[in-house]
PDB file of N, CA and C in Angstrom:
ATOM      1  N   UNK A   1       3.819 -28.248 -12.820  1.00  0.00           N
ATOM      2  CA  UNK A   1       3.337 -27.971 -11.801  1.00  0.00           C
ATOM      3  C   UNK A   1       2.010 -28.853 -11.356  1.00  0.00           C
ATOM      4  N   UNK A   2       1.758 -27.980  -9.884  1.00  0.00           N
ATOM      5  CA  UNK A   2      -0.001 -29.093 -10.322  1.00  0.00           C
ATOM      6  C   UNK A   2      -0.178 -27.702  -9.422  1.00  0.00           C
ATOM      7  N   UNK A   3      -1.833 -28.437  -9.914  1.00  0.00           N
ATOM      8  CA  UNK A   3      -2.586 -27.130  -9.706  1.00  0.00           C
ATOM      9  C   UNK A   3      -2.700 -26.938  -8.607  1.00  0.00           C
ATOM     10  N   UNK A   4      -3.459 -26.394  -7.445  1.00  0.00           N
ATOM     11  CA  UNK A   4      -3.706 -26.210  -5.732  1.00  0.00           C
ATOM     12  C   UNK A   4      -5.728 -26.257  -6.159  1.00  0.00           C
ATOM     13  N   UNK A   5      -6.115 -26.529  -6.874  1.00  0.00           N
ATOM     14  CA  UNK A   5      -7.601 -26.384  -7.637  1.00  0.00           C
ATOM     15  C   UNK A   5      -7.886 -27.525  -7.273  1.00  0.00           C
ATOM     16  N   UNK A   6      -7.397 -27.948  -8.419  1.00  0.00           N
ATOM     17  CA  UNK A   6      -8.394 -29.145  -9.514  1.00  0.00           C
ATOM     18  C   UNK A   6      -6.505 -30.644  -9.129  1.00  0.00           C
ATOM     19  N   UNK A   7      -5.453 -29.563  -8.726  1.00  0.00           N
ATOM     20  CA  UNK A   7      -4.240 -30.765  -8.469  1.00  0.00           C
ATOM     21  C   UNK A   7      -4.330 -31.488 -10.356  1.00  0.00           C
ATOM     22  N   UNK A   8      -4.565 -31.030 -10.527  1.00  0.00           N
ATOM     23  CA  UNK A   8      -3.892 -31.440 -12.318  1.00  0.00           C
ATOM     24  C   UNK A   8      -2.940 -30.606 -12.352  1.00  0.00           C
ATOM     25  N   UNK A   9      -1.713 -32.051 -13.442  1.00  0.00           N
ATOM     26  CA  UNK A   9      -0.519 -31.323 -13.416  1.00  0.00           C
ATOM     27  C   UNK A   9      -0.033 -30.378 -14.398  1.00  0.00           C
ATOM     28  N   UNK A  10       0.643 -29.303 -14.805  1.00  0.00           N
ATOM     29  CA  UNK A  10       0.664 -28.835 -15.859  1.00  0.00           C
ATOM     30  C   UNK A  10       2.114 -28.852 -16.051  1.00  0.00           C
ATOM     31  N   UNK A  11       2.256 -27.718 -17.137  1.00  0.00           N
ATOM     32  CA  UNK A  11       3.645 -28.066 -17.912  1.00  0.00           C
ATOM     33  C   UNK A  11       4.874 -26.763 -16.468  1.00  0.00           C
ATOM     34  N   UNK A  12       5.623 -27.078 -16.838  1.00  0.00           N
ATOM     35  CA  UNK A  12       6.580 -26.038 -15.595  1.00  0.00           C
ATOM     36  C   UNK A  12       6.835 -24.646 -16.588  1.00  0.00           C
ATOM     37  N   UNK A  13       5.784 -23.355 -15.838  1.00  0.00           N
ATOM     38  CA  UNK A  13       5.827 -22.232 -16.377  1.00  0.00           C
ATOM     39  C   UNK A  13       4.419 -21.308 -16.453  1.00  0.00           C
ATOM     40  N   UNK A  14       4.271 -22.954 -16.557  1.00  0.00           N
ATOM     41  CA  UNK A  14       2.251 -21.742 -17.199  1.00  0.00           C
ATOM     42  C   UNK A  14       1.843 -21.317 -16.624  1.00  0.00           C
ATOM     43  N   UNK A  15       1.221 -20.682 -16.387  1.00  0.00           N
ATOM     44  CA  UNK A  15       0.176 -19.474 -15.408  1.00  0.00           C
ATOM     45  C   UNK A  15      -0.690 -19.838 -14.519  1.00  0.00           C
ATOM     46  N   UNK A  16      -1.609 -20.574 -16.041  1.00  0.00           N
ATOM     47  CA  UNK A  16      -2.874 -20.976 -15.455  1.00  0.00           C
ATOM     48  C   UNK A  16      -3.048 -22.868 -15.997  1.00  0.00           C
ATOM     49  N   UNK A  17      -4.318 -23.549 -15.404  1.00  0.00           N
ATOM     50  CA  UNK A  17      -4.035 -24.588 -15.126  1.00  0.00           C
ATOM     51  C   UNK A  17      -4.916 -25.142 -16.576  1.00  0.00           C
ATOM     52  N   UNK A  18      -4.731 -26.239 -17.277  1.00  0.00           N
ATOM     53  CA  UNK A  18      -5.350 -26.771 -17.957  1.00  0.00           C
ATOM     54  C   UNK A  18      -7.054 -26.975 -17.821  1.00  0.00           C
ATOM     55  N   UNK A  19      -6.467 -27.617 -17.330  1.00  0.00           N
ATOM     56  CA  UNK A  19      -7.950 -28.075 -17.011  1.00  0.00           C
ATOM     57  C   UNK A  19      -9.174 -28.063 -16.155  1.00  0.00           C
ATOM     58  N   UNK A  20      -8.359 -26.725 -15.704  1.00  0.00           N
ATOM     59  CA  UNK A  20     -10.265 -25.615 -14.473  1.00  0.00           C
ATOM     60  C   UNK A  20      -9.812 -24.722 -14.970  1.00  0.00           C
ATOM     61  N   UNK A  21      -8.942 -24.217 -15.818  1.00  0.00           N
ATOM     62  CA  UNK A  21      -8.396 -23.019 -15.621  1.00  0.00           C
ATOM     63  C   UNK A  21      -7.842 -22.118 -14.922  1.00  0.00           C
ATOM     64  N   UNK A  22      -7.351 -22.637 -12.910  1.00  0.00           N
ATOM     65  CA  UNK A  22      -7.169 -21.969 -12.023  1.00  0.00           C
ATOM     66  C   UNK A  22      -5.684 -21.199 -11.857  1.00  0.00           C
ATOM     67  N   UNK A  23      -5.427 -20.293 -11.514  1.00  0.00           N
ATOM     68  CA  UNK A  23      -4.124 -19.064 -12.104  1.00  0.00           C
ATOM     69  C   UNK A  23      -3.441 -20.542 -10.735  1.00  0.00           C
ATOM     70  N   UNK A  24      -1.527 -20.036 -11.337  1.00  0.00           N
ATOM     71  CA  UNK A  24      -0.332 -21.567 -10.626  1.00  0.00           C
ATOM     72  C   UNK A  24      -0.109 -19.943 -10.449  1.00  0.00           C
ATOM     73  N   UNK A  25       1.036 -18.914  -9.887  1.00  0.00           N
ATOM     74  CA  UNK A  25       1.106 -17.953  -9.471  1.00  0.00           C
ATOM     75  C   UNK A  25       0.831 -18.382  -8.360  1.00  0.00           C
ATOM     76  N   UNK A  26       1.694 -18.406  -7.331  1.00  0.00           N
ATOM     77  CA  UNK A  26       1.556 -18.940  -5.770  1.00  0.00           C
ATOM     78  C   UNK A  26       0.935 -16.579  -5.461  1.00  0.00           C
ATOM     79  N   UNK A  27       0.308 -16.987  -3.990  1.00  0.00           N
ATOM     80  CA  UNK A  27      -0.380 -16.009  -3.616  1.00  0.00           C
ATOM     81  C   UNK A  27       0.506 -14.929  -3.284  1.00  0.00           C
ATOM     82  N   UNK A  28       0.806 -13.400  -3.809  1.00  0.00           N
ATOM     83  CA  UNK A  28       1.397 -13.087  -2.874  1.00  0.00           C
ATOM     84  C   UNK A  28       1.166 -12.999  -1.095  1.00  0.00           C
ATOM     85  N   UNK A  29       2.573 -12.699  -0.398  1.00  0.00           N
ATOM     86  CA  UNK A  29       2.145 -12.639   0.751  1.00  0.00           C
ATOM     87  C   UNK A  29       1.260 -11.490   1.892  1.00  0.00           C
ATOM     88  N   UNK A  30      -0.129 -11.705   2.000  1.00  0.00           N
ATOM     89  CA  UNK A  30      -1.338 -10.446   2.650  1.00  0.00           C
ATOM     90  C   UNK A  30      -0.371 -10.417   4.014  1.00  0.00           C
ATOM     91  N   UNK A  31       0.249 -10.688   4.420  1.00  0.00           N
ATOM     92  CA  UNK A  31       1.889 -10.408   5.518  1.00  0.00           C
ATOM     93  C   UNK A  31       2.178  -8.821   4.946  1.00  0.00           C
ATOM     94  N   UNK A  32       2.384  -8.949   4.098  1.00  0.00           N
ATOM     95  CA  UNK A  32       3.540  -7.384   3.343  1.00  0.00           C
ATOM     96  C   UNK A  32       2.386  -6.706   3.324  1.00  0.00           C
ATOM     97  N   UNK A  33       0.666  -6.836   2.835  1.00  0.00           N
ATOM     98  CA  UNK A  33      -0.099  -5.759   2.239  1.00  0.00           C
ATOM     99  C   UNK A  33      -0.083  -5.202   3.371  1.00  0.00           C
ATOM    100  N   UNK A  34      -0.963  -6.096   4.784  1.00  0.00           N
ATOM    101  CA  UNK A  34      -0.624  -5.489   5.703  1.00  0.00           C
ATOM    102  C   UNK A  34       0.617  -4.559   6.514  1.00  0.00           C
ATOM    103  N   UNK A  35       1.630  -5.112   5.905  1.00  0.00           N
ATOM    104  CA  UNK A  35       2.494  -3.713   6.242  1.00  0.00           C
ATOM    105  C   UNK A  35       2.849  -2.645   5.453  1.00  0.00           C
ATOM    106  N   UNK A  36       2.795  -2.738   5.003  1.00  0.00           N
ATOM    107  CA  UNK A  36       2.544  -2.096   3.979  1.00  0.00           C
ATOM    108  C   UNK A  36       1.771  -0.912   4.154  1.00  0.00           C
ATOM    109  N   UNK A  37       0.100  -1.646   4.808  1.00  0.00           N
ATOM    110  CA  UNK A  37      -1.495  -0.296   4.878  1.00  0.00           C
ATOM    111  C   UNK A  37      -0.322   0.209   5.845  1.00  0.00           C
ATOM    112  N   UNK A  38       0.063  -0.904   7.370  1.00  0.00           N
ATOM    113  CA  UNK A  38      -0.128  -0.077   8.538  1.00  0.00           C
ATOM    114  C   UNK A  38       0.743   1.143   8.783  1.00  0.00           C
ATOM    115  N   UNK A  39       1.564   1.144   7.573  1.00  0.00           N
ATOM    116  CA  UNK A  39       2.740   2.557   7.559  1.00  0.00           C
ATOM    117  C   UNK A  39       2.207   3.247   6.834  1.00  0.00           C
ATOM    118  N   UNK A  40       1.795   2.807   5.779  1.00  0.00           N
ATOM    119  CA  UNK A  40       0.160   3.985   5.324  1.00  0.00           C
ATOM    120  C   UNK A  40      -0.516   5.134   5.813  1.00  0.00           C
ATOM    121  N   UNK A  41      -1.005   4.387   6.956  1.00  0.00           N
ATOM    122  CA  UNK A  41      -1.849   4.460   7.314  1.00  0.00           C
ATOM    123  C   UNK A  41      -1.516   6.069   8.662  1.00  0.00           C
ATOM    124  N   UNK A  42       0.162   5.187   9.309  1.00  0.00           N
ATOM    125  CA  UNK A  42       1.036   5.733  10.224  1.00  0.00           C
ATOM    126  C   UNK A  42       1.255   7.363   9.908  1.00  0.00           C
ATOM    127  N   UNK A  43       2.079   7.559   8.458  1.00  0.00           N
ATOM    128  CA  UNK A  43       2.387   8.140   7.972  1.00  0.00           C
ATOM    129  C   UNK A  43       1.342   9.887   7.690  1.00  0.00           C
ATOM    130  N   UNK A  44       0.407   9.159   7.185  1.00  0.00           N
ATOM    131  CA  UNK A  44      -0.996   9.756   6.761  1.00  0.00           C
ATOM    132  C   UNK A  44      -1.533  10.505   8.594  1.00  0.00           C
ATOM    133  N   UNK A  45      -1.919   9.744   9.602  1.00  0.00           N
ATOM    134  CA  UNK A  45      -2.141   9.931  10.565  1.00  0.00           C
ATOM    135  C   UNK A  45      -1.264  11.369  11.121  1.00  0.00           C
ATOM    136  N   UNK A  46      -0.175  11.038  11.694  1.00  0.00           N
ATOM    137  CA  UNK A  46       1.117  11.588  11.383  1.00  0.00           C
ATOM    138  C   UNK A  46       0.592  12.529  10.733  1.00  0.00           C
ATOM    139  N   UNK A  47       1.421  12.922   9.578  1.00  0.00           N
ATOM    140  CA  UNK A  47       1.015  14.244   8.231  1.00  0.00           C
ATOM    141  C   UNK A  47      -0.057  14.870   9.196  1.00  0.00           C
ATOM    142  N   UNK A  48      -1.043  14.039   9.270  1.00  0.00           N
ATOM    143  CA  UNK A  48      -2.385  14.947   9.222  1.00  0.00           C
ATOM    144  C   UNK A  48      -2.558  15.442  11.320  1.00  0.00           C
ATOM    145  N   UNK A  49      -1.837  15.620  12.346  1.00  0.00           N
ATOM    146  CA  UNK A  49      -1.186  15.496  13.541  1.00  0.00           C
ATOM    147  C   UNK A  49      -0.564  16.649  13.031  1.00  0.00           C
ATOM    148  N   UNK A  50       0.268  16.709  12.109  1.00  0.00           N
ATOM    149  CA  UNK A  50       2.047  17.968  12.725  1.00  0.00           C
ATOM    150  C   UNK A  50       0.968  19.893  11.037  1.00  0.00           C
ATOM    151  N   UNK A  51       0.113  18.636  10.246  1.00  0.00           N
ATOM    152  CA  UNK A  51      -0.067  20.410   9.740  1.00  0.00           C
ATOM    153  C   UNK A  51      -1.691  20.646  10.705  1.00  0.00           C
ATOM    154  N   UNK A  52      -2.150  19.851  11.572  1.00  0.00           N
ATOM    155  CA  UNK A  52      -3.173  20.295  12.497  1.00  0.00           C
ATOM    156  C   UNK A  52      -1.748  21.009  13.937  1.00  0.00           C
ATOM    157  N   UNK A  53      -1.536  20.937  13.873  1.00  0.00           N
ATOM    158  CA  UNK A  53      -0.433  21.029  14.919  1.00  0.00           C
ATOM    159  C   UNK A  53      -0.255  22.617  14.122  1.00  0.00           C
ATOM    160  N   UNK A  54       0.204  22.798  13.585  1.00  0.00           N
ATOM    161  CA  UNK A  54       1.095  23.385  12.482  1.00  0.00           C
ATOM    162  C   UNK A  54      -0.121  25.034  12.736  1.00  0.00           C
ATOM    163  N   UNK A  55      -1.632  24.138  11.772  1.00  0.00           N
ATOM    164  CA  UNK A  55      -2.126  25.185  11.863  1.00  0.00           C
ATOM    165  C   UNK A  55      -2.729  26.178  12.849  1.00  0.00           C
ATOM    166  N   UNK A  56      -2.564  25.270  14.854  1.00  0.00           N
ATOM    167  CA  UNK A  56      -3.061  26.188  15.933  1.00  0.00           C
ATOM    168  C   UNK A  56      -2.065  26.793  16.170  1.00  0.00           C
ATOM    169  N   UNK A  57      -0.896  27.134  15.695  1.00  0.00           N
ATOM    170  CA  UNK A  57       0.926  27.875  15.895  1.00  0.00           C
ATOM    171  C   UNK A  57       0.639  29.014  14.945  1.00  0.00           C
ATOM    172  N   UNK A  58       0.029  29.649  14.376  1.00  0.00           N
ATOM    173  CA  UNK A  58      -0.515  30.965  13.479  1.00  0.00           C
ATOM    174  C   UNK A  58      -0.574  30.423  12.645  1.00  0.00           C
ATOM    175  N   UNK A  59      -0.153  29.384  11.555  1.00  0.00           N
ATOM    176  CA  UNK A  59      -0.343  29.249  10.207  1.00  0.00           C
ATOM    177  C   UNK A  59      -1.759  28.978  10.362  1.00  0.00           C
ATOM    178  N   UNK A  60      -2.289  28.682   8.932  1.00  0.00           N
ATOM    179  CA  UNK A  60      -3.107  28.298   8.414  1.00  0.00           C
ATOM    180  C   UNK A  60      -3.764  26.816   7.462  1.00  0.00           C
ATOM    181  N   UNK A  61      -2.700  25.761   8.404  1.00  0.00           N
ATOM    182  CA  UNK A  61      -2.578  24.366   7.498  1.00  0.00           C
ATOM    183  C   UNK A  61      -0.754  23.974   7.323  1.00  0.00           C
ATOM    184  N   UNK A  62      -1.950  23.284   5.410  1.00  0.00           N
ATOM    185  CA  UNK A  62      -1.330  23.505   5.333  1.00  0.00           C
ATOM    186  C   UNK A  62      -0.489  24.668   4.439  1.00  0.00           C
ATOM    187  N   UNK A  63      -1.476  25.317   4.429  1.00  0.00           N
ATOM    188  CA  UNK A  63      -1.093  26.819   2.775  1.00  0.00           C
ATOM    189  C   UNK A  63      -0.139  27.330   3.465  1.00  0.00           C
ATOM    190  N   UNK A  64      -0.343  27.174   4.835  1.00  0.00           N
ATOM    191  CA  UNK A  64       1.045  28.208   6.432  1.00  0.00           C
ATOM    192  C   UNK A  64       1.378  27.380   6.087  1.00  0.00           C
ATOM    193  N   UNK A  65       2.196  26.170   6.445  1.00  0.00           N
ATOM    194  CA  UNK A  65       2.808  26.006   6.156  1.00  0.00           C
ATOM    195  C   UNK A  65       3.662  25.927   5.143  1.00  0.00           C
ATOM    196  N   UNK A  66       3.561  25.413   4.354  1.00  0.00           N
ATOM    197  CA  UNK A  66       4.275  25.810   3.185  1.00  0.00           C
ATOM    198  C   UNK A  66       4.615  27.018   2.536  1.00  0.00           C
ATOM    199  N   UNK A  67       3.705  28.261   2.480  1.00  0.00           N
ATOM    200  CA  UNK A  67       4.362  29.584   2.424  1.00  0.00           C
ATOM    201  C   UNK A  67       5.272  29.719   4.112  1.00  0.00           C
ATOM    202  N   UNK A  68       5.241  29.271   4.906  1.00  0.00           N
ATOM    203  CA  UNK A  68       6.065  29.405   6.008  1.00  0.00           C
ATOM    204  C   UNK A  68       7.873  28.718   5.718  1.00  0.00           C
ATOM    205  N   UNK A  69       7.871  27.708   5.386  1.00  0.00           N
ATOM    206  CA  UNK A  69       9.418  26.460   5.222  1.00  0.00           C
ATOM    207  C   UNK A  69      10.208  27.872   3.441  1.00  0.00           C
ATOM    208  N   UNK A  70       8.857  28.053   2.550  1.00  0.00           N
ATOM    209  CA  UNK A  70       8.985  29.255   1.179  1.00  0.00           C
ATOM    210  C   UNK A  70      10.138  30.460   2.256  1.00  0.00           C
ATOM    211  N   UNK A  71       9.985  30.820   3.152  1.00  0.00           N
ATOM    212  CA  UNK A  71      10.234  31.756   4.090  1.00  0.00           C
ATOM    213  C   UNK A  71       9.277  33.524   3.662  1.00  0.00           C
ATOM    214  N   UNK A  72       7.839  32.681   3.336  1.00  0.00           N
ATOM    215  CA  UNK A  72       7.233  34.592   2.689  1.00  0.00           C
ATOM    216  C   UNK A  72       6.474  35.054   4.597  1.00  0.00           C
ATOM    217  N   UNK A  73       6.615  33.559   5.618  1.00  0.00           N
ATOM    218  CA  UNK A  73       5.784  34.337   6.309  1.00  0.00           C
ATOM    219  C   UNK A  73       6.330  34.499   7.575  1.00  0.00           C
TER     220      UNK A  73
END
């Protein structure tokens, strides 16, 4: 396995370069991180809007929503 930093040929399966100490493991795709982040943001914003609207309809935000779901209101 060839080091991307210094070009040293390391043994197969090594995690770090013997010459420079650089990581030999492949980096995770940054695209995946952006997709997961975008999904989490959409879910959080949707939940906030839902809870805000629920609060404007006679409930009191999250507490009102939870009490209504349990049949207390």
